[in-house]
């Protein structure tokens, strides 16, 4: 299983950003997809998840989606704040194993 994130970068407070996660090596439609983030000095935290059927859950201002035809998941982040600065990771898991991408850095500052 390989997960590759993209779309991170620098954005001003109040801006928006969309992260992408391209998955390979798995039957994508069978996997719940999740986005986590980890800020310096803090624990990694879950920010969004989407079920195989498309039921989405996320923290306020963030929206997760998936495109099964493209084996991809997305995270739309709106009204970004400095406290959203973190490395964002795409993740999925079987009952035994958890898979992670390499992460993409999001920096929110003026």
Foldseek 3Di string as FASTA:
>chain_A
DAKAKDWADEDEAQAKTKMKIADDDDQLLQWKKWKWWDAPPGDIGTAKIAHSVGDIDGDPQKTKGADSVRNMIMIMGGRDDQVVFTWMWMWIDDPPDIDIHPTGTHGYHD
